[in-house]
Protein backbone atom coordinates (compact mmCIF):
# COMPACT_ATOMS: atom_id res chain seq x y z
CA MET A 1 -7.13 1.19 23.24
CA LEU A 2 -8.55 4.70 23.68
CA ASN A 3 -5.05 6.20 23.65
CA ILE A 4 -4.31 4.42 20.36
CA LEU A 5 -7.54 5.72 18.83
CA TRP A 6 -6.50 9.26 19.72
CA VAL A 7 -3.25 8.73 17.81
CA THR A 8 -4.81 7.10 14.74
CA PHE A 9 -7.89 9.33 14.58
CA PRO A 10 -6.23 12.34 12.85
CA PHE A 11 -4.90 10.12 10.05
CA PHE A 12 -8.30 8.60 9.29
CA ALA A 13 -10.00 11.97 9.84
CA LEU A 14 -7.89 13.45 7.05
CA VAL A 15 -9.07 10.63 4.77
CA GLY A 16 -12.63 11.49 5.77
CA CYS A 17 -12.05 15.17 5.02
CA GLY A 18 -10.89 14.33 1.50
CA PHE A 19 -13.90 12.06 1.01
CA VAL A 20 -16.36 14.74 2.12
CA ALA A 21 -14.62 17.44 0.08
CA ALA A 22 -14.95 15.40 -3.10
CA ARG A 23 -18.49 14.22 -2.38
CA ARG A 24 -19.70 17.78 -1.68
CA ARG A 25 -17.78 19.08 -4.71
CA LEU A 26 -15.74 21.39 -2.50
CA LEU A 27 -12.83 19.79 -4.32
CA PRO A 28 -13.48 19.47 -8.07
CA LEU A 29 -13.03 15.89 -9.23
CA ASP A 30 -10.69 17.12 -11.95
CA ALA A 31 -8.37 18.46 -9.24
CA ILE A 32 -7.81 15.02 -7.68
CA GLY A 33 -5.35 14.07 -10.41
CA GLY A 34 -3.30 17.15 -9.53
CA LEU A 35 -3.22 16.18 -5.86
CA ASN A 36 -2.17 12.67 -6.83
CA GLY A 37 0.59 14.09 -9.02
CA PHE A 38 1.89 16.34 -6.24
CA VAL A 39 2.03 13.47 -3.76
CA LEU A 40 3.46 10.90 -6.17
CA PHE A 41 6.09 13.02 -7.92
CA PHE A 42 7.08 15.56 -5.27
CA ALA A 43 6.02 15.13 -1.64
CA LEU A 44 6.16 11.35 -1.14
CA PRO A 45 9.53 10.83 -2.90
CA CYS A 46 11.01 13.55 -0.72
CA MET A 47 9.60 11.90 2.40
CA LEU A 48 10.94 8.49 1.37
CA TYR A 49 14.34 10.00 0.53
CA ARG A 50 14.48 11.69 3.93
CA PHE A 51 13.58 8.50 5.76
CA GLY A 52 15.98 6.43 3.62
CA SER A 53 18.90 8.81 4.00
CA THR A 54 18.50 8.98 7.78
CA THR A 55 17.99 5.23 8.30
CA PRO A 56 21.00 2.91 8.76
CA ILE A 57 21.64 1.06 5.51
CA ALA A 58 21.52 -2.34 7.28
CA GLN A 59 17.83 -1.77 8.08
CA LEU A 60 17.10 -0.99 4.43
CA LEU A 61 18.75 -4.23 3.28
CA ASP A 62 17.09 -6.61 5.74
CA ALA A 63 16.77 -9.89 3.81
CA SER A 64 14.73 -11.48 6.61
CA VAL A 65 12.01 -8.85 6.37
CA PHE A 66 12.07 -9.09 2.58
CA GLY A 67 11.81 -12.89 2.50
CA VAL A 68 9.10 -13.28 5.14
CA TYR A 69 6.91 -10.51 3.75
CA LEU A 70 7.37 -11.72 0.16
CA LEU A 71 6.27 -15.25 1.12
CA CYS A 72 3.16 -13.86 2.83
CA ALA A 73 2.33 -11.66 -0.17
CA LEU A 74 2.54 -14.64 -2.53
CA VAL A 75 0.34 -16.75 -0.25
CA MET A 76 -2.22 -13.95 0.01
CA VAL A 77 -2.39 -13.51 -3.76
CA ALA A 78 -2.75 -17.26 -4.34
CA PHE A 79 -5.43 -17.62 -1.65
CA ALA A 80 -7.45 -14.59 -2.79
CA VAL A 81 -7.41 -15.74 -6.42
CA ALA A 82 -8.41 -19.28 -5.44
CA MET A 83 -11.28 -18.00 -3.28
CA THR A 84 -12.74 -15.57 -5.84
CA LEU A 85 -12.04 -17.09 -9.27
CA SER A 86 -15.31 -18.39 -10.73
CA GLU A 87 -17.43 -18.43 -13.86
CA ARG A 88 -18.52 -14.89 -13.07
CA ILE A 89 -15.26 -13.46 -11.69
CA ARG A 90 -12.53 -14.30 -14.18
CA TRP A 91 -8.75 -13.81 -14.00
CA ASN A 92 -8.82 -10.06 -14.60
CA ASP A 93 -11.18 -9.27 -11.72
CA ALA A 94 -9.82 -12.03 -9.46
CA ALA A 95 -6.24 -10.78 -9.89
CA PHE A 96 -7.06 -7.20 -8.96
CA GLY A 97 -9.19 -8.43 -6.08
CA ALA A 98 -6.12 -10.35 -4.90
CA LEU A 99 -4.01 -7.21 -5.26
CA VAL A 100 -6.25 -5.17 -2.94
CA ALA A 101 -6.25 -8.11 -0.50
CA ALA A 102 -2.44 -8.24 -0.40
CA PHE A 103 -1.28 -4.66 -1.11
CA PRO A 104 -1.59 -2.31 1.91
CA ASN A 105 -1.69 1.47 1.62
CA THR A 106 1.89 1.69 2.86
CA GLY A 107 3.13 4.69 0.89
CA PHE A 108 0.30 7.14 1.41
CA MET A 109 -0.77 6.02 4.90
CA GLY A 110 1.66 3.53 6.42
CA VAL A 111 4.90 5.51 6.38
CA PRO A 112 3.62 8.57 8.30
CA LEU A 113 1.29 6.57 10.56
CA LEU A 114 3.85 3.99 11.66
CA ALA A 115 6.61 6.59 12.05
CA THR A 116 4.29 8.44 14.44
CA LEU A 117 3.30 5.30 16.35
CA LEU A 118 6.63 3.47 16.51
CA GLY A 119 9.27 6.08 15.79
CA PRO A 120 11.91 6.44 13.05
CA LYS A 121 13.21 2.91 13.61
CA SER A 122 10.07 1.53 11.95
CA VAL A 123 10.91 3.16 8.61
CA GLY A 124 13.50 0.54 7.55
CA PRO A 125 11.08 -2.44 7.52
CA VAL A 126 8.34 -0.27 5.99
CA ILE A 127 10.56 0.68 3.06
CA VAL A 128 11.46 -2.99 2.47
CA VAL A 129 7.75 -3.84 2.40
CA ILE A 130 7.07 -1.04 -0.10
CA VAL A 131 9.70 -2.50 -2.44
CA VAL A 132 8.14 -5.99 -2.24
CA ASP A 133 4.63 -4.73 -3.00
CA MET A 134 5.60 -2.31 -5.75
CA VAL A 135 7.99 -4.61 -7.60
CA VAL A 136 6.66 -8.13 -6.97
CA THR A 137 3.05 -8.13 -5.74
CA SER A 138 1.69 -5.57 -8.18
CA SER A 139 3.62 -6.99 -11.15
CA LEU A 140 2.46 -10.54 -10.36
CA CYS A 141 -1.21 -9.54 -10.09
CA ILE A 142 -1.09 -7.51 -13.30
CA ALA A 143 0.42 -10.52 -15.06
CA LEU A 144 -2.28 -12.83 -13.63
CA SER A 145 -4.98 -10.42 -14.82
CA ARG A 146 -3.95 -11.17 -18.40
CA LEU A 147 -4.56 -14.92 -18.17
CA ASP A 148 -8.10 -14.74 -19.52
CA GLY A 149 -8.20 -16.23 -23.00
CA ALA A 150 -9.41 -13.00 -24.54
CA ALA A 151 -6.59 -11.07 -22.90
CA GLY A 152 -3.82 -13.03 -24.62
CA GLY A 153 -3.20 -15.91 -22.23
CA ALA A 154 0.36 -16.60 -21.06
CA LYS A 155 1.87 -14.33 -23.70
CA GLY A 156 -0.37 -11.49 -22.54
CA ALA A 157 0.65 -12.19 -18.94
CA LEU A 158 4.34 -11.88 -19.79
CA GLU A 159 3.73 -8.66 -21.70
CA ALA A 160 1.69 -7.27 -18.80
CA ALA A 161 4.42 -8.21 -16.31
CA GLY A 162 6.96 -6.39 -18.45
CA LYS A 163 4.70 -3.35 -18.65
CA ALA A 164 4.25 -3.42 -14.87
CA LEU A 165 8.01 -3.54 -14.31
CA ARG A 166 8.48 -0.61 -16.70
CA GLY A 167 5.89 1.23 -14.65
CA VAL A 168 7.94 0.56 -11.52
CA VAL A 169 11.03 2.03 -13.23
CA ALA A 170 9.03 5.14 -14.18
CA ASN A 171 7.69 5.54 -10.63
CA PRO A 172 9.74 8.06 -8.60
CA MET A 173 9.12 6.29 -5.28
CA PRO A 174 11.56 3.37 -5.81
CA TRP A 175 14.21 5.81 -7.03
CA ALA A 176 13.72 7.95 -3.94
CA ILE A 177 14.24 4.86 -1.79
CA VAL A 178 17.38 3.87 -3.73
CA LEU A 179 18.87 7.37 -3.59
CA GLY A 180 18.07 7.65 0.11
CA GLY A 181 19.75 4.30 0.75
CA VAL A 182 22.86 5.39 -1.16
CA ALA A 183 22.96 8.65 0.80
CA SER A 184 22.71 6.66 4.04
CA ALA A 185 25.47 4.27 2.97
CA ILE A 186 27.96 7.04 2.11
CA ASP A 187 26.74 9.44 4.82
CA TYR A 188 25.84 12.12 2.28
CA GLN A 189 23.77 15.20 3.05
CA LEU A 190 22.13 17.47 0.49
CA PRO A 191 23.27 21.12 0.33
CA ALA A 192 21.39 23.08 2.97
CA PRO A 193 19.00 25.06 0.67
CA LEU A 194 18.14 21.93 -1.36
CA GLN A 195 17.66 19.85 1.77
CA LYS A 196 15.36 22.48 3.29
CA THR A 197 13.24 22.46 0.11
CA ALA A 198 13.06 18.66 0.05
CA TRP A 199 12.19 18.49 3.74
CA LEU A 200 9.35 21.03 3.29
CA LEU A 201 7.91 18.85 0.53
CA ALA A 202 8.35 15.79 2.77
CA ASP A 203 6.40 17.51 5.56
CA ALA A 204 3.51 18.06 3.13
CA ALA A 205 3.35 14.40 2.10
CA SER A 206 1.34 12.99 5.00
CA PRO A 207 -1.63 15.41 5.14
CA VAL A 208 -1.96 15.78 1.37
CA ALA A 209 -1.62 12.02 0.76
CA LEU A 210 -4.26 11.15 3.35
CA PHE A 211 -6.63 13.83 2.04
CA THR A 212 -6.07 12.53 -1.48
CA ILE A 213 -6.93 8.96 -0.44
CA GLY A 214 -10.34 10.15 0.72
CA ALA A 215 -10.91 12.15 -2.47
CA VAL A 216 -9.92 9.18 -4.65
CA LEU A 217 -12.30 6.88 -2.75
CA ALA A 218 -15.15 9.38 -3.13
CA ARG A 219 -14.51 9.78 -6.85
CA ALA A 220 -14.44 6.01 -7.33
CA GLN A 221 -17.74 5.61 -5.48
CA MET A 222 -19.37 8.45 -7.42
CA THR A 223 -18.40 7.00 -10.78
CA VAL A 224 -19.55 3.43 -10.06
CA ASP A 225 -22.42 2.69 -12.41
CA HIS A 226 -23.59 -0.74 -11.24
CA PRO A 227 -24.37 -2.46 -7.91
CA SER A 228 -22.37 -5.38 -6.56
CA PRO A 229 -23.39 -8.05 -4.03
CA LEU A 230 -21.70 -7.87 -0.62
CA SER A 231 -20.02 -11.21 -1.32
CA ASP A 232 -18.01 -9.55 -4.11
CA TYR A 233 -16.21 -7.00 -1.96
CA VAL A 234 -16.60 -7.68 1.77
CA PRO A 235 -14.56 -10.96 1.87
CA PRO A 236 -11.49 -9.43 0.13
CA ALA A 237 -11.65 -6.48 2.54
CA LEU A 238 -11.72 -8.87 5.50
CA MET A 239 -8.81 -10.81 4.00
CA LYS A 240 -6.82 -7.60 3.90
CA LEU A 241 -7.62 -6.44 7.42
CA LEU A 242 -7.67 -9.75 9.29
CA LEU A 243 -6.10 -12.60 7.35
CA HIS A 244 -3.10 -10.70 5.99
CA PRO A 245 -1.73 -9.46 9.36
CA LEU A 246 -2.48 -12.83 10.99
CA LEU A 247 -0.56 -14.61 8.23
CA VAL A 248 2.43 -12.27 8.58
CA LEU A 249 2.44 -12.78 12.34
CA CYS A 250 2.31 -16.59 12.10
CA VAL A 251 4.94 -16.84 9.35
CA GLY A 252 7.19 -14.35 11.16
CA VAL A 253 6.97 -16.20 14.49
CA ALA A 254 7.65 -19.51 12.70
CA ALA A 255 10.65 -17.98 10.92
CA ILE A 256 12.09 -16.74 14.22
CA GLN A 257 11.61 -20.20 15.75
CA LEU A 258 13.48 -21.70 12.79
CA GLY A 259 16.43 -19.38 13.37
CA VAL A 260 15.78 -16.68 10.76
CA PRO A 261 17.42 -13.45 12.04
CA LEU A 262 14.17 -11.48 12.15
CA ASP A 263 13.87 -9.27 15.22
CA ARG A 264 10.58 -8.86 17.07
CA PHE A 265 10.32 -5.14 16.40
CA SER A 266 10.58 -5.62 12.64
CA LEU A 267 7.92 -8.34 12.83
CA THR A 268 5.62 -5.95 14.71
CA VAL A 269 6.11 -3.33 12.00
CA MET A 270 5.37 -5.89 9.27
CA VAL A 271 2.18 -7.06 11.00
CA LEU A 272 0.94 -3.49 11.37
CA VAL A 273 1.74 -2.77 7.73
CA ALA A 274 -0.30 -5.83 6.75
CA ALA A 275 -3.15 -4.53 8.96
CA LEU A 276 -3.39 -1.31 6.91
CA PRO A 277 -6.30 -0.89 4.47
CA SER A 278 -5.93 -1.67 0.78
CA ALA A 279 -3.81 0.60 -1.42
CA SER A 280 -6.00 3.26 -3.02
CA ASN A 281 -4.02 3.33 -6.29
CA VAL A 282 -5.18 -0.21 -7.18
CA SER A 283 -8.46 1.26 -8.45
CA LEU A 284 -6.46 3.28 -10.99
CA LEU A 285 -4.64 0.14 -12.12
CA SER A 286 -7.88 -1.83 -12.42
CA GLU A 287 -9.37 0.92 -14.54
CA ARG A 288 -6.33 0.91 -16.82
CA PHE A 289 -6.60 -2.86 -17.31
CA GLN A 290 -10.40 -2.81 -17.68
CA ALA A 291 -11.24 -4.80 -14.56
CA ASP A 292 -14.37 -4.22 -12.46
CA THR A 293 -13.25 -0.91 -10.95
CA GLY A 294 -16.51 -0.55 -9.01
CA ARG A 295 -15.81 -3.76 -7.10
CA ILE A 296 -12.20 -2.76 -6.40
CA ALA A 297 -13.27 0.70 -5.20
CA ARG A 298 -15.78 -0.85 -2.80
CA ILE A 299 -13.13 -3.20 -1.37
CA ILE A 300 -10.78 -0.26 -0.79
CA LEU A 301 -13.55 1.85 0.77
CA VAL A 302 -14.73 -0.91 3.13
CA SER A 303 -11.17 -1.75 4.20
CA THR A 304 -10.33 1.93 4.80
CA VAL A 305 -13.43 2.59 6.92
CA ALA A 306 -13.12 -0.63 8.91
CA ALA A 307 -9.36 -0.18 9.41
CA PHE A 308 -9.97 2.66 11.86
CA VAL A 309 -11.14 0.00 14.32
CA THR A 310 -9.17 -3.07 13.20
CA PHE A 311 -5.83 -1.27 12.77
CA SER A 312 -6.21 0.51 16.09
CA ALA A 313 -7.01 -2.83 17.74
CA ALA A 314 -3.88 -4.37 16.18
CA VAL A 315 -1.74 -1.51 17.50
CA SER A 316 -3.29 -1.84 20.96
CA TRP A 317 -2.55 -5.59 20.95
CA LEU A 318 1.00 -5.46 19.58
CA VAL A 319 2.50 -2.22 20.87
């Protein structure tokens, strides 16, 4: 366990550095958007392209990983909504609470962390998981958030789902994955100067992304203008860190027993992805759709802090 903590510590320490920098105003809050832009539009797409182009195409098209993880994501969303929907927490807040309970921080944290822990072979399943969460999980939760009567009901949900899918198309990360997969399939390599440039950007993705997570969490906490009871944000955080990986493990083992061609290594990667903290960009989505961003930010913060112990424990148990 101690050896695992030594491996995971630098990743969470970088998150802590970003948090402290923003809290102490060493990093101006206005600069966080620029860091986000650098990671989202430059560094992370280059990292995903590099991983995709150097990963065998069969690993990127693993239908077993896609199907098992998708089923678990749908179950998590349904369970989280059912557990939190009430007279006080309506569809909008319940849907985004479900999204942070089911959507791990795979892009900013999972890709570099799991590649370090498990090696390049882990990248294939991780990329499949990213596609599921970006295309299906997030779009579904955004659609569910529009089911409140004042938000337009079913028609509003369909419009929101369409908007979410258009957002996926405009996001460079899926395109980087697609282009990397094509390059892998046809064994294509970028011209040497262009590849060197892309690889330098890819090397910057991990530290800047982790630092940015901390800064985003600090900004969210600093801008929260109302208190929330623990029951509003601790249970979803526990769902993310404990229930989600346990569900993926149980469904994956059952699928293998039923003859689904899912290998044990891919299942281990999926479980560890599910054990990651909540995706930090959900707070930006909740703000855009006028949900309770303070509650979402607290869920993300609690899951990120607690994940240092729970994720390390999961790695120690599985690896």
